Amino acid sequence: MKRVLLKSVYDAFDYCMEHYYPYGLEEMAERKDTYSVISIQDTHTKGFGFRFTESEKCIGALTLYFDDIERPVDGAVLFSEEMAHEIIDFINDKKEADTLLVHCYGGQSRSRAVAAFAVKMLGGDNTGYFETGNPNSYVYELLLRTWEHEQN
């Protein structure tokens, strides 16, 4: 992966649509890169009403349902170690994609934590994610612990 993009759900949809072109007019596509998507959706609404799927340019999509919380809350879903494994495996399996697109509703907490982790896992500098926003610390720390445990 050459880059990790952090987006809101609206901006993630726009990014994907920039790869679209009418039949026979491939040159009209604004973007030509391949990408994979980690889509983080809310549980209280049972998601956003759509899911990203594979296509010519989207070579993988992982959809996870958990809420933006850092400790158990009645009626909400806390990020789990199983979800952390799914993210780690997905990143490893989709490294041939040019771009990893990560989104949640606002692109500020859950997805920021996942994107920061992905950059670190891929060997990059993720400090900007912490300087310009507030990643969900529980999600980030659980991803780090799970990844470190897998490496040992």
N, C-alpha and C. Protein backbone atom coordinates (compact mmCIF):
# COMPACT_ATOMS: atom_id res chain seq x y z
N MET A 1 0.84 -1.18 0.00
CA MET A 1 0.00 0.00 0.00
C MET A 1 0.88 1.24 0.00
N LYS A 2 0.53 2.14 -0.87
CA LYS A 2 1.30 3.37 -0.97
C LYS A 2 0.80 4.42 0.01
N ARG A 3 -0.49 4.33 0.36
CA ARG A 3 -1.02 5.35 1.27
C ARG A 3 -2.25 4.83 2.00
N VAL A 4 -2.53 5.50 3.11
CA VAL A 4 -3.72 5.24 3.91
C VAL A 4 -4.51 6.53 3.91
N LEU A 5 -5.80 6.44 3.54
CA LEU A 5 -6.67 7.61 3.55
C LEU A 5 -7.70 7.48 4.66
N LEU A 6 -7.92 8.54 5.37
CA LEU A 6 -8.91 8.62 6.44
C LEU A 6 -10.04 9.51 5.95
N LYS A 7 -11.27 9.00 5.99
CA LYS A 7 -12.41 9.74 5.45
C LYS A 7 -13.64 9.58 6.34
N SER A 8 -14.58 10.52 6.19
CA SER A 8 -15.93 10.33 6.73
C SER A 8 -16.67 9.40 5.78
N VAL A 9 -17.83 8.94 6.17
CA VAL A 9 -18.60 8.06 5.29
C VAL A 9 -18.94 8.76 3.98
N TYR A 10 -19.27 10.04 4.05
CA TYR A 10 -19.62 10.79 2.84
C TYR A 10 -18.42 10.91 1.90
N ASP A 11 -17.27 11.27 2.47
CA ASP A 11 -16.07 11.42 1.66
C ASP A 11 -15.56 10.09 1.12
N ALA A 12 -15.77 9.02 1.88
CA ALA A 12 -15.38 7.68 1.40
C ALA A 12 -16.21 7.30 0.18
N PHE A 13 -17.51 7.58 0.24
CA PHE A 13 -18.37 7.29 -0.91
C PHE A 13 -17.92 8.09 -2.13
N ASP A 14 -17.64 9.39 -1.94
CA ASP A 14 -17.17 10.23 -3.04
C ASP A 14 -15.86 9.69 -3.62
N TYR A 15 -14.94 9.27 -2.76
CA TYR A 15 -13.67 8.73 -3.23
C TYR A 15 -13.90 7.51 -4.13
N CYS A 16 -14.75 6.62 -3.69
CA CYS A 16 -15.05 5.42 -4.49
C CYS A 16 -15.68 5.79 -5.82
N MET A 17 -16.59 6.75 -5.82
CA MET A 17 -17.26 7.14 -7.05
C MET A 17 -16.31 7.84 -8.03
N GLU A 18 -15.20 8.39 -7.54
CA GLU A 18 -14.21 9.00 -8.43
C GLU A 18 -13.53 7.96 -9.31
N HIS A 19 -13.73 6.68 -9.01
CA HIS A 19 -13.18 5.59 -9.82
C HIS A 19 -14.17 5.13 -10.90
N TYR A 20 -15.37 5.63 -10.85
CA TYR A 20 -16.42 5.20 -11.78
C TYR A 20 -16.24 5.87 -13.15
N TYR A 21 -16.65 5.15 -14.18
CA TYR A 21 -16.69 5.72 -15.53
C TYR A 21 -17.81 5.05 -16.31
N PRO A 22 -18.44 5.77 -17.23
CA PRO A 22 -19.46 5.16 -18.09
C PRO A 22 -18.82 4.12 -19.01
N TYR A 23 -19.61 3.18 -19.46
CA TYR A 23 -19.12 2.11 -20.33
C TYR A 23 -18.33 2.66 -21.51
N GLY A 24 -17.14 2.10 -21.70
CA GLY A 24 -16.31 2.49 -22.83
C GLY A 24 -15.56 3.79 -22.67
N LEU A 25 -15.69 4.44 -21.52
CA LEU A 25 -15.05 5.75 -21.32
C LEU A 25 -14.13 5.73 -20.09
N GLU A 26 -13.27 4.74 -20.03
CA GLU A 26 -12.37 4.58 -18.88
C GLU A 26 -11.57 5.83 -18.59
N GLU A 27 -11.22 6.58 -19.63
CA GLU A 27 -10.40 7.78 -19.44
C GLU A 27 -11.14 8.85 -18.62
N MET A 28 -12.45 8.72 -18.47
CA MET A 28 -13.23 9.69 -17.69
C MET A 28 -13.11 9.49 -16.18
N ALA A 29 -12.63 8.34 -15.77
CA ALA A 29 -12.48 8.10 -14.33
C ALA A 29 -11.47 9.09 -13.76
N GLU A 30 -11.85 9.77 -12.68
CA GLU A 30 -10.96 10.74 -12.05
C GLU A 30 -9.76 10.05 -11.39
N ARG A 31 -10.00 8.86 -10.86
CA ARG A 31 -8.95 8.11 -10.16
C ARG A 31 -8.73 6.77 -10.85
N LYS A 32 -7.49 6.33 -10.84
CA LYS A 32 -7.14 5.07 -11.49
C LYS A 32 -6.52 4.06 -10.52
N ASP A 33 -6.28 4.47 -9.28
CA ASP A 33 -5.62 3.60 -8.32
C ASP A 33 -6.55 2.47 -7.86
N THR A 34 -5.94 1.41 -7.35
CA THR A 34 -6.72 0.36 -6.70
C THR A 34 -6.79 0.69 -5.21
N TYR A 35 -7.83 0.23 -4.57
CA TYR A 35 -7.99 0.52 -3.15
C TYR A 35 -8.71 -0.62 -2.45
N SER A 36 -8.53 -0.66 -1.14
CA SER A 36 -9.27 -1.53 -0.26
C SER A 36 -9.91 -0.64 0.80
N VAL A 37 -11.05 -1.07 1.33
CA VAL A 37 -11.82 -0.26 2.27
C VAL A 37 -12.01 -0.99 3.59
N ILE A 38 -11.75 -0.28 4.68
CA ILE A 38 -12.19 -0.72 6.00
C ILE A 38 -13.31 0.22 6.39
N SER A 39 -14.52 -0.31 6.43
CA SER A 39 -15.72 0.46 6.69
C SER A 39 -16.20 0.16 8.11
N ILE A 40 -16.19 1.19 8.95
CA ILE A 40 -16.62 1.04 10.34
C ILE A 40 -17.99 1.68 10.47
N GLN A 41 -18.97 0.86 10.84
CA GLN A 41 -20.36 1.32 10.87
C GLN A 41 -20.94 1.23 12.28
N ASP A 42 -21.92 2.07 12.55
CA ASP A 42 -22.57 2.14 13.85
C ASP A 42 -23.54 0.99 14.06
N THR A 43 -23.68 0.58 15.32
CA THR A 43 -24.60 -0.52 15.61
C THR A 43 -26.01 -0.05 15.94
N HIS A 44 -26.15 1.13 16.52
CA HIS A 44 -27.49 1.57 16.93
C HIS A 44 -28.43 1.77 15.74
N THR A 45 -27.86 2.00 14.54
CA THR A 45 -28.67 2.13 13.32
C THR A 45 -28.54 0.90 12.43
N LYS A 46 -27.78 -0.09 12.92
CA LYS A 46 -27.49 -1.31 12.15
C LYS A 46 -26.75 -0.97 10.85
N GLY A 47 -25.89 0.03 10.91
CA GLY A 47 -25.08 0.41 9.77
C GLY A 47 -25.59 1.66 9.10
N PHE A 48 -25.00 1.96 7.95
CA PHE A 48 -25.34 3.17 7.20
C PHE A 48 -26.31 2.91 6.06
N GLY A 49 -26.71 1.66 5.87
CA GLY A 49 -27.65 1.35 4.81
C GLY A 49 -26.99 0.92 3.51
N PHE A 50 -25.67 0.83 3.51
CA PHE A 50 -24.95 0.33 2.34
C PHE A 50 -23.64 -0.27 2.80
N ARG A 51 -23.08 -1.11 1.93
CA ARG A 51 -21.78 -1.72 2.18
C ARG A 51 -20.92 -1.59 0.93
N PHE A 52 -19.65 -1.34 1.12
CA PHE A 52 -18.71 -1.33 0.02
C PHE A 52 -18.45 -2.78 -0.39
N THR A 53 -18.30 -3.01 -1.70
CA THR A 53 -18.01 -4.34 -2.22
C THR A 53 -16.88 -4.26 -3.22
N GLU A 54 -16.32 -5.40 -3.54
CA GLU A 54 -15.23 -5.43 -4.50
C GLU A 54 -15.73 -5.04 -5.88
N SER A 55 -14.84 -4.43 -6.64
CA SER A 55 -15.14 -4.02 -8.01
C SER A 55 -13.82 -4.00 -8.78
N GLU A 56 -13.84 -3.43 -9.96
CA GLU A 56 -12.63 -3.36 -10.76
C GLU A 56 -11.48 -2.69 -10.00
N LYS A 57 -11.75 -1.62 -9.29
CA LYS A 57 -10.71 -0.88 -8.58
C LYS A 57 -10.69 -1.16 -7.08
N CYS A 58 -11.80 -1.62 -6.52
CA CYS A 58 -11.86 -1.96 -5.09
C CYS A 58 -11.53 -3.44 -4.94
N ILE A 59 -10.34 -3.72 -4.43
CA ILE A 59 -9.90 -5.12 -4.38
C ILE A 59 -10.17 -5.77 -3.03
N GLY A 60 -10.89 -5.08 -2.17
CA GLY A 60 -11.27 -5.68 -0.90
C GLY A 60 -12.06 -4.72 -0.04
N ALA A 61 -13.02 -5.26 0.69
CA ALA A 61 -13.82 -4.44 1.60
C ALA A 61 -14.09 -5.21 2.88
N LEU A 62 -13.78 -4.61 3.99
CA LEU A 62 -14.04 -5.18 5.30
C LEU A 62 -14.99 -4.24 6.02
N THR A 63 -16.15 -4.76 6.42
CA THR A 63 -17.12 -3.96 7.15
C THR A 63 -17.20 -4.48 8.58
N LEU A 64 -17.02 -3.58 9.53
CA LEU A 64 -17.11 -3.92 10.95
C LEU A 64 -18.14 -3.03 11.62
N TYR A 65 -18.85 -3.60 12.57
CA TYR A 65 -19.88 -2.87 13.30
C TYR A 65 -19.46 -2.75 14.76
N PHE A 66 -19.07 -1.54 15.17
CA PHE A 66 -18.80 -1.27 16.58
C PHE A 66 -18.98 0.23 16.82
N ASP A 67 -19.19 0.57 18.06
CA ASP A 67 -19.51 1.96 18.40
C ASP A 67 -18.28 2.70 18.91
N ASP A 68 -18.39 4.03 18.92
CA ASP A 68 -17.28 4.88 19.33
C ASP A 68 -17.28 5.03 20.85
N ILE A 69 -16.87 3.95 21.51
CA ILE A 69 -16.78 3.92 22.97
C ILE A 69 -15.43 3.35 23.36
N GLU A 70 -15.02 3.61 24.59
CA GLU A 70 -13.73 3.11 25.07
C GLU A 70 -13.86 2.19 26.26
N ARG A 71 -15.08 1.90 26.67
CA ARG A 71 -15.36 0.94 27.74
C ARG A 71 -16.77 0.43 27.52
N PRO A 72 -17.12 -0.69 28.12
CA PRO A 72 -18.47 -1.23 27.89
C PRO A 72 -19.57 -0.24 28.26
N VAL A 73 -20.57 -0.18 27.39
CA VAL A 73 -21.75 0.66 27.60
C VAL A 73 -22.95 -0.19 27.22
N ASP A 74 -23.96 -0.22 28.10
CA ASP A 74 -25.16 -1.02 27.81
C ASP A 74 -25.75 -0.65 26.46
N GLY A 75 -25.97 -1.67 25.63
CA GLY A 75 -26.60 -1.46 24.34
C GLY A 75 -25.65 -1.11 23.21
N ALA A 76 -24.38 -0.87 23.52
CA ALA A 76 -23.40 -0.52 22.50
C ALA A 76 -22.42 -1.68 22.32
N VAL A 77 -21.72 -1.67 21.19
CA VAL A 77 -20.75 -2.73 20.88
C VAL A 77 -19.34 -2.16 20.98
N LEU A 78 -18.56 -2.76 21.86
CA LEU A 78 -17.17 -2.36 22.07
C LEU A 78 -16.28 -3.09 21.06
N PHE A 79 -15.30 -2.39 20.52
CA PHE A 79 -14.30 -2.99 19.63
C PHE A 79 -13.68 -4.18 20.33
N SER A 80 -13.47 -5.27 19.60
CA SER A 80 -13.00 -6.52 20.21
C SER A 80 -11.68 -6.99 19.63
N GLU A 81 -11.06 -7.93 20.32
CA GLU A 81 -9.81 -8.52 19.84
C GLU A 81 -10.05 -9.27 18.52
N GLU A 82 -11.21 -9.89 18.37
CA GLU A 82 -11.55 -10.56 17.11
C GLU A 82 -11.58 -9.56 15.96
N MET A 83 -12.15 -8.38 16.19
CA MET A 83 -12.17 -7.35 15.16
C MET A 83 -10.75 -6.87 14.85
N ALA A 84 -9.92 -6.76 15.88
CA ALA A 84 -8.52 -6.36 15.68
C ALA A 84 -7.82 -7.36 14.77
N HIS A 85 -8.02 -8.65 15.02
CA HIS A 85 -7.43 -9.68 14.15
C HIS A 85 -7.93 -9.54 12.71
N GLU A 86 -9.22 -9.26 12.55
CA GLU A 86 -9.77 -9.10 11.20
C GLU A 86 -9.08 -7.94 10.47
N ILE A 87 -8.86 -6.84 11.16
CA ILE A 87 -8.21 -5.67 10.55
C ILE A 87 -6.77 -6.00 10.18
N ILE A 88 -6.04 -6.62 11.08
CA ILE A 88 -4.64 -6.98 10.83
C ILE A 88 -4.54 -7.93 9.64
N ASP A 89 -5.39 -8.94 9.62
CA ASP A 89 -5.38 -9.90 8.51
C ASP A 89 -5.75 -9.22 7.19
N PHE A 90 -6.73 -8.32 7.24
CA PHE A 90 -7.15 -7.60 6.03
C PHE A 90 -6.01 -6.76 5.47
N ILE A 91 -5.34 -6.02 6.32
CA ILE A 91 -4.22 -5.18 5.87
C ILE A 91 -3.13 -6.06 5.25
N ASN A 92 -2.82 -7.16 5.91
CA ASN A 92 -1.81 -8.08 5.37
C ASN A 92 -2.23 -8.67 4.03
N ASP A 93 -3.50 -9.02 3.90
CA ASP A 93 -4.00 -9.67 2.68
C ASP A 93 -4.17 -8.71 1.51
N LYS A 94 -4.31 -7.43 1.77
CA LYS A 94 -4.61 -6.46 0.70
C LYS A 94 -3.47 -5.48 0.45
N LYS A 95 -2.26 -5.86 0.77
CA LYS A 95 -1.11 -4.96 0.59
C LYS A 95 -0.87 -4.56 -0.86
N GLU A 96 -1.39 -5.35 -1.81
CA GLU A 96 -1.19 -5.00 -3.22
C GLU A 96 -2.03 -3.80 -3.65
N ALA A 97 -3.01 -3.41 -2.87
CA ALA A 97 -3.81 -2.23 -3.18
C ALA A 97 -2.94 -0.98 -3.09
N ASP A 98 -3.19 -0.02 -3.97
CA ASP A 98 -2.45 1.24 -3.89
C ASP A 98 -2.81 2.02 -2.64
N THR A 99 -4.09 1.96 -2.28
CA THR A 99 -4.62 2.80 -1.20
C THR A 99 -5.44 1.95 -0.24
N LEU A 100 -5.30 2.24 1.05
CA LEU A 100 -6.21 1.70 2.07
C LEU A 100 -7.09 2.86 2.50
N LEU A 101 -8.37 2.74 2.25
CA LEU A 101 -9.36 3.74 2.63
C LEU A 101 -10.03 3.29 3.92
N VAL A 102 -9.98 4.12 4.94
CA VAL A 102 -10.58 3.79 6.23
C VAL A 102 -11.60 4.87 6.55
N HIS A 103 -12.82 4.44 6.89
CA HIS A 103 -13.84 5.43 7.25
C HIS A 103 -14.73 4.92 8.37
N CYS A 104 -15.31 5.85 9.07
CA CYS A 104 -16.43 5.61 9.97
C CYS A 104 -17.42 6.73 9.66
N TYR A 105 -18.30 7.10 10.58
CA TYR A 105 -19.26 8.14 10.25
C TYR A 105 -18.58 9.48 10.00
N GLY A 106 -17.79 9.94 10.98
CA GLY A 106 -17.18 11.26 10.86
C GLY A 106 -15.71 11.25 10.46
N GLY A 107 -15.06 10.09 10.53
CA GLY A 107 -13.63 10.02 10.20
C GLY A 107 -12.76 10.66 11.26
N GLN A 108 -13.21 10.65 12.51
CA GLN A 108 -12.49 11.39 13.55
C GLN A 108 -11.94 10.54 14.69
N SER A 109 -12.59 9.44 15.03
CA SER A 109 -12.19 8.71 16.23
C SER A 109 -11.88 7.24 15.93
N ARG A 110 -12.89 6.45 15.63
CA ARG A 110 -12.66 5.03 15.36
C ARG A 110 -11.78 4.83 14.14
N SER A 111 -12.16 5.45 13.03
CA SER A 111 -11.38 5.26 11.80
C SER A 111 -10.02 5.92 11.91
N ARG A 112 -9.90 6.99 12.65
CA ARG A 112 -8.60 7.64 12.86
C ARG A 112 -7.67 6.68 13.61
N ALA A 113 -8.20 5.96 14.58
CA ALA A 113 -7.40 4.97 15.31
C ALA A 113 -6.95 3.84 14.39
N VAL A 114 -7.86 3.34 13.56
CA VAL A 114 -7.53 2.26 12.64
C VAL A 114 -6.52 2.73 11.59
N ALA A 115 -6.71 3.92 11.06
CA ALA A 115 -5.78 4.46 10.06
C ALA A 115 -4.40 4.67 10.67
N ALA A 116 -4.34 5.23 11.88
CA ALA A 116 -3.05 5.43 12.55
C ALA A 116 -2.35 4.09 12.76
N PHE A 117 -3.11 3.10 13.17
CA PHE A 117 -2.53 1.77 13.35
C PHE A 117 -2.02 1.21 12.01
N ALA A 118 -2.83 1.33 10.96
CA ALA A 118 -2.44 0.79 9.65
C ALA A 118 -1.13 1.42 9.18
N VAL A 119 -0.99 2.72 9.36
CA VAL A 119 0.25 3.40 8.95
C VAL A 119 1.42 2.83 9.74
N LYS A 120 1.25 2.66 11.04
CA LYS A 120 2.32 2.09 11.87
C LYS A 120 2.64 0.67 11.43
N MET A 121 1.63 -0.14 11.22
CA MET A 121 1.82 -1.53 10.81
C MET A 121 2.57 -1.62 9.48
N LEU A 122 2.30 -0.67 8.60
CA LEU A 122 2.93 -0.66 7.28
C LEU A 122 4.31 0.02 7.30
N GLY A 123 4.75 0.44 8.48
CA GLY A 123 6.10 1.00 8.62
C GLY A 123 6.20 2.50 8.47
N GLY A 124 5.08 3.19 8.48
CA GLY A 124 5.09 4.64 8.32
C GLY A 124 5.05 5.40 9.63
N ASP A 125 5.08 6.70 9.52
CA ASP A 125 5.00 7.62 10.67
C ASP A 125 3.55 8.04 10.86
N ASN A 126 2.96 7.68 11.97
CA ASN A 126 1.54 7.97 12.21
C ASN A 126 1.32 9.13 13.18
N THR A 127 2.33 9.90 13.51
CA THR A 127 2.18 10.96 14.51
C THR A 127 1.15 12.01 14.11
N GLY A 128 1.00 12.26 12.83
CA GLY A 128 0.04 13.26 12.37
C GLY A 128 -1.40 12.94 12.78
N TYR A 129 -1.73 11.67 12.87
CA TYR A 129 -3.08 11.27 13.26
C TYR A 129 -3.39 11.71 14.69
N PHE A 130 -2.37 11.78 15.53
CA PHE A 130 -2.56 12.17 16.92
C PHE A 130 -2.45 13.68 17.11
N GLU A 131 -1.72 14.33 16.22
CA GLU A 131 -1.54 15.78 16.32
C GLU A 131 -2.75 16.55 15.79
N THR A 132 -3.48 15.96 14.86
CA THR A 132 -4.58 16.68 14.22
C THR A 132 -5.96 16.16 14.63
N GLY A 133 -6.01 15.21 15.54
CA GLY A 133 -7.31 14.67 15.95
C GLY A 133 -7.19 13.80 17.18
N ASN A 134 -8.26 13.12 17.49
CA ASN A 134 -8.32 12.29 18.68
C ASN A 134 -8.75 10.86 18.35
N PRO A 135 -7.78 10.02 17.98
CA PRO A 135 -8.14 8.63 17.71
C PRO A 135 -8.72 7.96 18.96
N ASN A 136 -9.64 7.05 18.76
CA ASN A 136 -10.19 6.27 19.87
C ASN A 136 -9.03 5.47 20.47
N SER A 137 -8.62 5.82 21.68
CA SER A 137 -7.44 5.21 22.29
C SER A 137 -7.63 3.72 22.56
N TYR A 138 -8.85 3.31 22.90
CA TYR A 138 -9.10 1.89 23.16
C TYR A 138 -8.88 1.08 21.88
N VAL A 139 -9.43 1.55 20.77
CA VAL A 139 -9.28 0.85 19.49
C VAL A 139 -7.81 0.78 19.10
N TYR A 140 -7.11 1.89 19.19
CA TYR A 140 -5.70 1.94 18.79
C TYR A 140 -4.86 1.01 19.65
N GLU A 141 -5.02 1.09 20.94
CA GLU A 141 -4.21 0.28 21.86
C GLU A 141 -4.51 -1.21 21.70
N LEU A 142 -5.76 -1.58 21.49
CA LEU A 142 -6.10 -2.99 21.30
C LEU A 142 -5.51 -3.51 19.99
N LEU A 143 -5.54 -2.70 18.95
CA LEU A 143 -4.90 -3.09 17.69
C LEU A 143 -3.40 -3.31 17.89
N LEU A 144 -2.75 -2.39 18.56
CA LEU A 144 -1.31 -2.52 18.81
C LEU A 144 -0.98 -3.77 19.61
N ARG A 145 -1.71 -4.00 20.71
CA ARG A 145 -1.46 -5.18 21.55
C ARG A 145 -1.68 -6.47 20.76
N THR A 146 -2.74 -6.51 19.98
CA THR A 146 -3.05 -7.71 19.20
C THR A 146 -1.97 -7.97 18.17
N TRP A 147 -1.55 -6.94 17.48
CA TRP A 147 -0.51 -7.06 16.46
C TRP A 147 0.81 -7.51 17.08
N GLU A 148 1.19 -6.88 18.20
CA GLU A 148 2.44 -7.27 18.88
C GLU A 148 2.37 -8.72 19.34
N HIS A 149 1.22 -9.14 19.85
CA HIS A 149 1.05 -10.52 20.29
C HIS A 149 1.17 -11.49 19.12
N GLU A 150 0.62 -11.12 17.97
CA GLU A 150 0.70 -11.96 16.78
C GLU A 150 2.14 -12.11 16.29
N GLN A 151 2.96 -11.09 16.48
CA GLN A 151 4.34 -11.12 16.01
C GLN A 151 5.24 -11.98 16.89
N ASN A 152 4.83 -12.22 18.11
CA ASN A 152 5.66 -13.02 19.05
C ASN A 152 5.33 -14.48 19.00
